[in-house]
Amino acid sequence: MNDKLVQKEEALKARLQNIQEMEAAILKGEKAIKEKEKAKKQVLLRLSPSLWNELAAWAEDDFRSINGQIEYLLADCVKKRKNKEK
């Protein structure tokens, strides 16, 4: 009976070690993502009120922020341009 308890304890310790290693990996990944996000460049962009309203409505439809929508649209245009050049 005592041997079974020891085996269970060892198994639990091994599982705990695995969980701690996974948690450390997740935290490391989150840190890398935060550092990458900080690397984004900022741009001052002036838009007409009508264009702003159109982008705001479009962003809301796509469940994005206005900034996210603008970034998505620019990335899509760059991607399409690269595909045309090939």
PDB file of N, CA and C in Angstrom:
ATOM      1  N   MET A   1       0.822  -1.195   0.000  1.00  0.00           N
ATOM      2  CA  MET A   1       0.000   0.000   0.000  1.00  0.00           C
ATOM      3  C   MET A   1       0.864   1.256   0.000  1.00  0.00           C
ATOM      4  N   ASN A   2       1.918   1.241   0.748  1.00  0.00           N
ATOM      5  CA  ASN A   2       2.817   2.374   0.835  1.00  0.00           C
ATOM      6  C   ASN A   2       3.519   2.624  -0.500  1.00  0.00           C
ATOM      7  N   ASP A   3       3.867   1.550  -1.206  1.00  0.00           N
ATOM      8  CA  ASP A   3       4.518   1.673  -2.506  1.00  0.00           C
ATOM      9  C   ASP A   3       3.612   2.370  -3.523  1.00  0.00           C
ATOM     10  N   LYS A   4       2.327   2.058  -3.467  1.00  0.00           N
ATOM     11  CA  LYS A   4       1.378   2.690  -4.389  1.00  0.00           C
ATOM     12  C   LYS A   4       1.291   4.191  -4.127  1.00  0.00           C
ATOM     13  N   LEU A   5       1.296   4.564  -2.867  1.00  0.00           N
ATOM     14  CA  LEU A   5       1.253   5.984  -2.527  1.00  0.00           C
ATOM     15  C   LEU A   5       2.509   6.704  -3.013  1.00  0.00           C
ATOM     16  N   VAL A   6       3.639   6.056  -2.851  1.00  0.00           N
ATOM     17  CA  VAL A   6       4.904   6.636  -3.302  1.00  0.00           C
ATOM     18  C   VAL A   6       4.882   6.807  -4.814  1.00  0.00           C
ATOM     19  N   GLN A   7       4.380   5.782  -5.519  1.00  0.00           N
ATOM     20  CA  GLN A   7       4.298   5.855  -6.980  1.00  0.00           C
ATOM     21  C   GLN A   7       3.361   6.977  -7.421  1.00  0.00           C
ATOM     22  N   LYS A   8       2.213   7.101  -6.749  1.00  0.00           N
ATOM     23  CA  LYS A   8       1.269   8.170  -7.079  1.00  0.00           C
ATOM     24  C   LYS A   8       1.878   9.540  -6.818  1.00  0.00           C
ATOM     25  N   GLU A   9       2.597   9.641  -5.704  1.00  0.00           N
ATOM     26  CA  GLU A   9       3.251  10.908  -5.378  1.00  0.00           C
ATOM     27  C   GLU A   9       4.294  11.269  -6.429  1.00  0.00           C
ATOM     28  N   GLU A  10       5.064  10.307  -6.866  1.00  0.00           N
ATOM     29  CA  GLU A  10       6.073  10.547  -7.899  1.00  0.00           C
ATOM     30  C   GLU A  10       5.412  10.949  -9.221  1.00  0.00           C
ATOM     31  N   ALA A  11       4.312  10.283  -9.553  1.00  0.00           N
ATOM     32  CA  ALA A  11       3.589  10.616 -10.781  1.00  0.00           C
ATOM     33  C   ALA A  11       3.044  12.043 -10.705  1.00  0.00           C
ATOM     34  N   LEU A  12       2.514  12.402  -9.552  1.00  0.00           N
ATOM     35  CA  LEU A  12       1.988  13.761  -9.378  1.00  0.00           C
ATOM     36  C   LEU A  12       3.099  14.804  -9.444  1.00  0.00           C
ATOM     37  N   LYS A  13       4.243  14.494  -8.862  1.00  0.00           N
ATOM     38  CA  LYS A  13       5.376  15.412  -8.930  1.00  0.00           C
ATOM     39  C   LYS A  13       5.837  15.598 -10.368  1.00  0.00           C
ATOM     40  N   ALA A  14       5.846  14.497 -11.145  1.00  0.00           N
ATOM     41  CA  ALA A  14       6.242  14.583 -12.558  1.00  0.00           C
ATOM     42  C   ALA A  14       5.240  15.435 -13.342  1.00  0.00           C
ATOM     43  N   ARG A  15       3.955  15.255 -13.071  1.00  0.00           N
ATOM     44  CA  ARG A  15       2.927  16.052 -13.752  1.00  0.00           C
ATOM     45  C   ARG A  15       3.050  17.527 -13.374  1.00  0.00           C
ATOM     46  N   LEU A  16       3.321  17.775 -12.100  1.00  0.00           N
ATOM     47  CA  LEU A  16       3.502  19.151 -11.650  1.00  0.00           C
ATOM     48  C   LEU A  16       4.704  19.788 -12.345  1.00  0.00           C
ATOM     49  N   GLN A  17       5.767  19.038 -12.483  1.00  0.00           N
ATOM     50  CA  GLN A  17       6.965  19.528 -13.166  1.00  0.00           C
ATOM     51  C   GLN A  17       6.634  19.872 -14.623  1.00  0.00           C
ATOM     52  N   ASN A  18       5.871  19.004 -15.288  1.00  0.00           N
ATOM     53  CA  ASN A  18       5.468  19.258 -16.683  1.00  0.00           C
ATOM     54  C   ASN A  18       4.618  20.519 -16.782  1.00  0.00           C
ATOM     55  N   ILE A  19       3.699  20.677 -15.840  1.00  0.00           N
ATOM     56  CA  ILE A  19       2.834  21.860 -15.843  1.00  0.00           C
ATOM     57  C   ILE A  19       3.659  23.127 -15.631  1.00  0.00           C
ATOM     58  N   GLN A  20       4.621  23.063 -14.709  1.00  0.00           N
ATOM     59  CA  GLN A  20       5.470  24.220 -14.459  1.00  0.00           C
ATOM     60  C   GLN A  20       6.308  24.563 -15.685  1.00  0.00           C
ATOM     61  N   GLU A  21       6.791  23.542 -16.393  1.00  0.00           N
ATOM     62  CA  GLU A  21       7.565  23.786 -17.614  1.00  0.00           C
ATOM     63  C   GLU A  21       6.698  24.407 -18.703  1.00  0.00           C
ATOM     64  N   MET A  22       5.453  23.911 -18.835  1.00  0.00           N
ATOM     65  CA  MET A  22       4.535  24.480 -19.826  1.00  0.00           C
ATOM     66  C   MET A  22       4.198  25.931 -19.478  1.00  0.00           C
ATOM     67  N   GLU A  23       3.979  26.198 -18.190  1.00  0.00           N
ATOM     68  CA  GLU A  23       3.679  27.551 -17.754  1.00  0.00           C
ATOM     69  C   GLU A  23       4.848  28.491 -18.065  1.00  0.00           C
ATOM     70  N   ALA A  24       6.058  28.024 -17.827  1.00  0.00           N
ATOM     71  CA  ALA A  24       7.239  28.831 -18.126  1.00  0.00           C
ATOM     72  C   ALA A  24       7.339  29.118 -19.617  1.00  0.00           C
ATOM     73  N   ALA A  25       7.032  28.117 -20.445  1.00  0.00           N
ATOM     74  CA  ALA A  25       7.067  28.301 -21.893  1.00  0.00           C
ATOM     75  C   ALA A  25       6.009  29.308 -22.342  1.00  0.00           C
ATOM     76  N   ILE A  26       4.826  29.233 -21.757  1.00  0.00           N
ATOM     77  CA  ILE A  26       3.754  30.170 -22.093  1.00  0.00           C
ATOM     78  C   ILE A  26       4.151  31.589 -21.710  1.00  0.00           C
ATOM     79  N   LEU A  27       4.700  31.749 -20.515  1.00  0.00           N
ATOM     80  CA  LEU A  27       5.123  33.081 -20.071  1.00  0.00           C
ATOM     81  C   LEU A  27       6.218  33.636 -20.969  1.00  0.00           C
ATOM     82  N   LYS A  28       7.125  32.773 -21.397  1.00  0.00           N
ATOM     83  CA  LYS A  28       8.191  33.203 -22.298  1.00  0.00           C
ATOM     84  C   LYS A  28       7.594  33.654 -23.638  1.00  0.00           C
ATOM     85  N   GLY A  29       6.621  32.891 -24.140  1.00  0.00           N
ATOM     86  CA  GLY A  29       5.958  33.256 -25.391  1.00  0.00           C
ATOM     87  C   GLY A  29       5.205  34.568 -25.275  1.00  0.00           C
ATOM     88  N   GLU A  30       4.513  34.760 -24.145  1.00  0.00           N
ATOM     89  CA  GLU A  30       3.787  36.015 -23.929  1.00  0.00           C
ATOM     90  C   GLU A  30       4.743  37.202 -23.880  1.00  0.00           C
ATOM     91  N   LYS A  31       5.883  36.998 -23.249  1.00  0.00           N
ATOM     92  CA  LYS A  31       6.878  38.065 -23.169  1.00  0.00           C
ATOM     93  C   LYS A  31       7.388  38.424 -24.561  1.00  0.00           C
ATOM     94  N   ALA A  32       7.627  37.394 -25.394  1.00  0.00           N
ATOM     95  CA  ALA A  32       8.103  37.639 -26.759  1.00  0.00           C
ATOM     96  C   ALA A  32       7.050  38.400 -27.565  1.00  0.00           C
ATOM     97  N   ILE A  33       5.788  38.057 -27.375  1.00  0.00           N
ATOM     98  CA  ILE A  33       4.706  38.743 -28.087  1.00  0.00           C
ATOM     99  C   ILE A  33       4.641  40.204 -27.659  1.00  0.00           C
ATOM    100  N   LYS A  34       4.750  40.454 -26.360  1.00  0.00           N
ATOM    101  CA  LYS A  34       4.712  41.839 -25.868  1.00  0.00           C
ATOM    102  C   LYS A  34       5.865  42.655 -26.429  1.00  0.00           C
ATOM    103  N   GLU A  35       7.043  42.048 -26.486  1.00  0.00           N
ATOM    104  CA  GLU A  35       8.195  42.756 -27.036  1.00  0.00           C
ATOM    105  C   GLU A  35       7.996  43.049 -28.517  1.00  0.00           C
ATOM    106  N   LYS A  36       7.405  42.101 -29.225  1.00  0.00           N
ATOM    107  CA  LYS A  36       7.148  42.294 -30.656  1.00  0.00           C
ATOM    108  C   LYS A  36       6.132  43.414 -30.863  1.00  0.00           C
ATOM    109  N   GLU A  37       5.110  43.449 -30.014  1.00  0.00           N
ATOM    110  CA  GLU A  37       4.091  44.490 -30.121  1.00  0.00           C
ATOM    111  C   GLU A  37       4.688  45.868 -29.875  1.00  0.00           C
ATOM    112  N   LYS A  38       5.639  45.957 -28.962  1.00  0.00           N
ATOM    113  CA  LYS A  38       6.275  47.236 -28.687  1.00  0.00           C
ATOM    114  C   LYS A  38       7.062  47.726 -29.892  1.00  0.00           C
ATOM    115  N   ALA A  39       7.466  46.797 -30.753  1.00  0.00           N
ATOM    116  CA  ALA A  39       8.290  47.154 -31.904  1.00  0.00           C
ATOM    117  C   ALA A  39       7.479  47.797 -33.025  1.00  0.00           C
ATOM    118  N   LYS A  40       6.161  47.835 -32.913  1.00  0.00           N
ATOM    119  CA  LYS A  40       5.342  48.442 -33.960  1.00  0.00           C
ATOM    120  C   LYS A  40       5.647  49.927 -34.082  1.00  0.00           C
ATOM    121  N   LYS A  41       5.601  50.404 -35.298  1.00  0.00           N
ATOM    122  CA  LYS A  41       5.840  51.821 -35.581  1.00  0.00           C
ATOM    123  C   LYS A  41       4.536  52.588 -35.469  1.00  0.00           C
ATOM    124  N   GLN A  42       4.644  53.812 -35.039  1.00  0.00           N
ATOM    125  CA  GLN A  42       3.478  54.674 -34.939  1.00  0.00           C
ATOM    126  C   GLN A  42       3.463  55.650 -36.106  1.00  0.00           C
ATOM    127  N   VAL A  43       2.258  55.918 -36.618  1.00  0.00           N
ATOM    128  CA  VAL A  43       2.094  56.831 -37.744  1.00  0.00           C
ATOM    129  C   VAL A  43       0.938  57.770 -37.432  1.00  0.00           C
ATOM    130  N   LEU A  44       1.166  59.039 -37.655  1.00  0.00           N
ATOM    131  CA  LEU A  44       0.093  60.016 -37.518  1.00  0.00           C
ATOM    132  C   LEU A  44      -0.654  60.042 -38.846  1.00  0.00           C
ATOM    133  N   LEU A  45      -1.948  59.800 -38.808  1.00  0.00           N
ATOM    134  CA  LEU A  45      -2.746  59.724 -40.027  1.00  0.00           C
ATOM    135  C   LEU A  45      -3.946  60.639 -39.886  1.00  0.00           C
ATOM    136  N   ARG A  46      -4.079  61.561 -40.820  1.00  0.00           N
ATOM    137  CA  ARG A  46      -5.224  62.467 -40.820  1.00  0.00           C
ATOM    138  C   ARG A  46      -6.237  61.962 -41.845  1.00  0.00           C
ATOM    139  N   LEU A  47      -7.486  61.822 -41.406  1.00  0.00           N
ATOM    140  CA  LEU A  47      -8.555  61.326 -42.275  1.00  0.00           C
ATOM    141  C   LEU A  47      -9.726  62.298 -42.244  1.00  0.00           C
ATOM    142  N   SER A  48     -10.455  62.343 -43.341  1.00  0.00           N
ATOM    143  CA  SER A  48     -11.670  63.148 -43.357  1.00  0.00           C
ATOM    144  C   SER A  48     -12.699  62.481 -42.437  1.00  0.00           C
ATOM    145  N   PRO A  49     -13.606  63.258 -41.888  1.00  0.00           N
ATOM    146  CA  PRO A  49     -14.628  62.676 -41.010  1.00  0.00           C
ATOM    147  C   PRO A  49     -15.463  61.596 -41.704  1.00  0.00           C
ATOM    148  N   SER A  50     -15.760  61.791 -42.987  1.00  0.00           N
ATOM    149  CA  SER A  50     -16.581  60.792 -43.688  1.00  0.00           C
ATOM    150  C   SER A  50     -15.817  59.476 -43.855  1.00  0.00           C
ATOM    151  N   LEU A  51     -14.521  59.561 -44.185  1.00  0.00           N
ATOM    152  CA  LEU A  51     -13.726  58.342 -44.310  1.00  0.00           C
ATOM    153  C   LEU A  51     -13.588  57.664 -42.953  1.00  0.00           C
ATOM    154  N   TRP A  52     -13.368  58.453 -41.906  1.00  0.00           N
ATOM    155  CA  TRP A  52     -13.271  57.914 -40.556  1.00  0.00           C
ATOM    156  C   TRP A  52     -14.554  57.148 -40.200  1.00  0.00           C
ATOM    157  N   ASN A  53     -15.706  57.739 -40.494  1.00  0.00           N
ATOM    158  CA  ASN A  53     -16.982  57.082 -40.186  1.00  0.00           C
ATOM    159  C   ASN A  53     -17.147  55.778 -40.955  1.00  0.00           C
ATOM    160  N   GLU A  54     -16.755  55.792 -42.234  1.00  0.00           N
ATOM    161  CA  GLU A  54     -16.837  54.564 -43.041  1.00  0.00           C
ATOM    162  C   GLU A  54     -15.933  53.479 -42.470  1.00  0.00           C
ATOM    163  N   LEU A  55     -14.706  53.850 -42.115  1.00  0.00           N
ATOM    164  CA  LEU A  55     -13.770  52.880 -41.544  1.00  0.00           C
ATOM    165  C   LEU A  55     -14.262  52.370 -40.189  1.00  0.00           C
ATOM    166  N   ALA A  56     -14.840  53.255 -39.396  1.00  0.00           N
ATOM    167  CA  ALA A  56     -15.359  52.862 -38.085  1.00  0.00           C
ATOM    168  C   ALA A  56     -16.483  51.841 -38.230  1.00  0.00           C
ATOM    169  N   ALA A  57     -17.374  52.093 -39.170  1.00  0.00           N
ATOM    170  CA  ALA A  57     -18.484  51.155 -39.397  1.00  0.00           C
ATOM    171  C   ALA A  57     -17.966  49.814 -39.909  1.00  0.00           C
ATOM    172  N   TRP A  58     -17.028  49.855 -40.826  1.00  0.00           N
ATOM    173  CA  TRP A  58     -16.439  48.638 -41.389  1.00  0.00           C
ATOM    174  C   TRP A  58     -15.713  47.851 -40.296  1.00  0.00           C
ATOM    175  N   ALA A  59     -14.952  48.569 -39.474  1.00  0.00           N
ATOM    176  CA  ALA A  59     -14.217  47.918 -38.384  1.00  0.00           C
ATOM    177  C   ALA A  59     -15.191  47.246 -37.416  1.00  0.00           C
ATOM    178  N   GLU A  60     -16.283  47.920 -37.118  1.00  0.00           N
ATOM    179  CA  GLU A  60     -17.285  47.345 -36.216  1.00  0.00           C
ATOM    180  C   GLU A  60     -17.882  46.074 -36.818  1.00  0.00           C
ATOM    181  N   ASP A  61     -18.153  46.096 -38.119  1.00  0.00           N
ATOM    182  CA  ASP A  61     -18.684  44.906 -38.797  1.00  0.00           C
ATOM    183  C   ASP A  61     -17.717  43.727 -38.717  1.00  0.00           C
ATOM    184  N   ASP A  62     -16.422  44.034 -38.767  1.00  0.00           N
ATOM    185  CA  ASP A  62     -15.387  42.991 -38.738  1.00  0.00           C
ATOM    186  C   ASP A  62     -14.863  42.719 -37.333  1.00  0.00           C
ATOM    187  N   PHE A  63     -15.493  43.325 -36.323  1.00  0.00           N
ATOM    188  CA  PHE A  63     -15.092  43.153 -34.916  1.00  0.00           C
ATOM    189  C   PHE A  63     -13.629  43.529 -34.693  1.00  0.00           C
ATOM    190  N   ARG A  64     -13.230  44.642 -35.276  1.00  0.00           N
ATOM    191  CA  ARG A  64     -11.877  45.154 -35.098  1.00  0.00           C
ATOM    192  C   ARG A  64     -11.955  46.590 -34.593  1.00  0.00           C
ATOM    193  N   SER A  65     -10.836  47.051 -34.036  1.00  0.00           N
ATOM    194  CA  SER A  65     -10.718  48.472 -33.722  1.00  0.00           C
ATOM    195  C   SER A  65     -10.474  49.199 -35.050  1.00  0.00           C
ATOM    196  N   ILE A  66     -10.621  50.495 -35.052  1.00  0.00           N
ATOM    197  CA  ILE A  66     -10.346  51.260 -36.269  1.00  0.00           C
ATOM    198  C   ILE A  66      -8.875  51.102 -36.649  1.00  0.00           C
ATOM    199  N   ASN A  67      -8.004  51.185 -35.665  1.00  0.00           N
ATOM    200  CA  ASN A  67      -6.577  51.002 -35.925  1.00  0.00           C
ATOM    201  C   ASN A  67      -6.312  49.609 -36.510  1.00  0.00           C
ATOM    202  N   GLY A  68      -6.938  48.600 -35.920  1.00  0.00           N
ATOM    203  CA  GLY A  68      -6.783  47.233 -36.422  1.00  0.00           C
ATOM    204  C   GLY A  68      -7.298  47.085 -37.845  1.00  0.00           C
ATOM    205  N   GLN A  69      -8.399  47.760 -38.141  1.00  0.00           N
ATOM    206  CA  GLN A  69      -8.969  47.692 -39.490  1.00  0.00           C
ATOM    207  C   GLN A  69      -8.036  48.345 -40.506  1.00  0.00           C
ATOM    208  N   ILE A  70      -7.496  49.498 -40.153  1.00  0.00           N
ATOM    209  CA  ILE A  70      -6.573  50.187 -41.059  1.00  0.00           C
ATOM    210  C   ILE A  70      -5.334  49.325 -41.288  1.00  0.00           C
ATOM    211  N   GLU A  71      -4.801  48.736 -40.220  1.00  0.00           N
ATOM    212  CA  GLU A  71      -3.626  47.877 -40.358  1.00  0.00           C
ATOM    213  C   GLU A  71      -3.949  46.661 -41.229  1.00  0.00           C
ATOM    214  N   TYR A  72      -5.131  46.067 -41.030  1.00  0.00           N
ATOM    215  CA  TYR A  72      -5.547  44.918 -41.839  1.00  0.00           C
ATOM    216  C   TYR A  72      -5.640  45.301 -43.316  1.00  0.00           C
ATOM    217  N   LEU A  73      -6.270  46.433 -43.593  1.00  0.00           N
ATOM    218  CA  LEU A  73      -6.450  46.862 -44.984  1.00  0.00           C
ATOM    219  C   LEU A  73      -5.108  47.163 -45.652  1.00  0.00           C
ATOM    220  N   LEU A  74      -4.223  47.821 -44.934  1.00  0.00           N
ATOM    221  CA  LEU A  74      -2.902  48.114 -45.501  1.00  0.00           C
ATOM    222  C   LEU A  74      -2.120  46.825 -45.763  1.00  0.00           C
ATOM    223  N   ALA A  75      -2.157  45.899 -44.820  1.00  0.00           N
ATOM    224  CA  ALA A  75      -1.454  44.622 -45.002  1.00  0.00           C
ATOM    225  C   ALA A  75      -2.025  43.863 -46.197  1.00  0.00           C
ATOM    226  N   ASP A  76      -3.340  43.904 -46.364  1.00  0.00           N
ATOM    227  CA  ASP A  76      -3.985  43.229 -47.493  1.00  0.00           C
ATOM    228  C   ASP A  76      -3.559  43.857 -48.820  1.00  0.00           C
ATOM    229  N   CYS A  77      -3.504  45.177 -48.867  1.00  0.00           N
ATOM    230  CA  CYS A  77      -3.076  45.866 -50.088  1.00  0.00           C
ATOM    231  C   CYS A  77      -1.628  45.541 -50.437  1.00  0.00           C
ATOM    232  N   VAL A  78      -0.767  45.517 -49.437  1.00  0.00           N
ATOM    233  CA  VAL A  78       0.639  45.183 -49.678  1.00  0.00           C
ATOM    234  C   VAL A  78       0.755  43.751 -50.197  1.00  0.00           C
ATOM    235  N   LYS A  79      -0.009  42.847 -49.606  1.00  0.00           N
ATOM    236  CA  LYS A  79      -0.001  41.439 -50.036  1.00  0.00           C
ATOM    237  C   LYS A  79      -0.453  41.319 -51.495  1.00  0.00           C
ATOM    238  N   LYS A  80      -1.532  42.008 -51.845  1.00  0.00           N
ATOM    239  CA  LYS A  80      -2.029  41.965 -53.225  1.00  0.00           C
ATOM    240  C   LYS A  80      -1.016  42.555 -54.199  1.00  0.00           C
ATOM    241  N   ARG A  81      -0.364  43.618 -53.798  1.00  0.00           N
ATOM    242  CA  ARG A  81       0.644  44.253 -54.652  1.00  0.00           C
ATOM    243  C   ARG A  81       1.809  43.297 -54.894  1.00  0.00           C
ATOM    244  N   LYS A  82       2.251  42.618 -53.858  1.00  0.00           N
ATOM    245  CA  LYS A  82       3.348  41.657 -54.001  1.00  0.00           C
ATOM    246  C   LYS A  82       2.966  40.520 -54.943  1.00  0.00           C
ATOM    247  N   ASN A  83       1.709  40.078 -54.853  1.00  0.00           N
ATOM    248  CA  ASN A  83       1.240  39.000 -55.722  1.00  0.00           C
ATOM    249  C   ASN A  83       1.168  39.441 -57.187  1.00  0.00           C
ATOM    250  N   LYS A  84       0.844  40.716 -57.424  1.00  0.00           N
ATOM    251  CA  LYS A  84       0.814  41.249 -58.788  1.00  0.00           C
ATOM    252  C   LYS A  84       2.186  41.282 -59.418  1.00  0.00           C
ATOM    253  N   GLU A  85       3.194  41.575 -58.598  1.00  0.00           N
ATOM    254  CA  GLU A  85       4.571  41.710 -59.101  1.00  0.00           C
ATOM    255  C   GLU A  85       5.163  40.372 -59.524  1.00  0.00           C
ATOM    256  N   LYS A  86       4.602  39.290 -59.078  1.00  0.00           N
ATOM    257  CA  LYS A  86       5.174  37.964 -59.400  1.00  0.00           C
ATOM    258  C   LYS A  86       4.846  37.532 -60.792  1.00  0.00           C
TER     259      LYS A  86
END
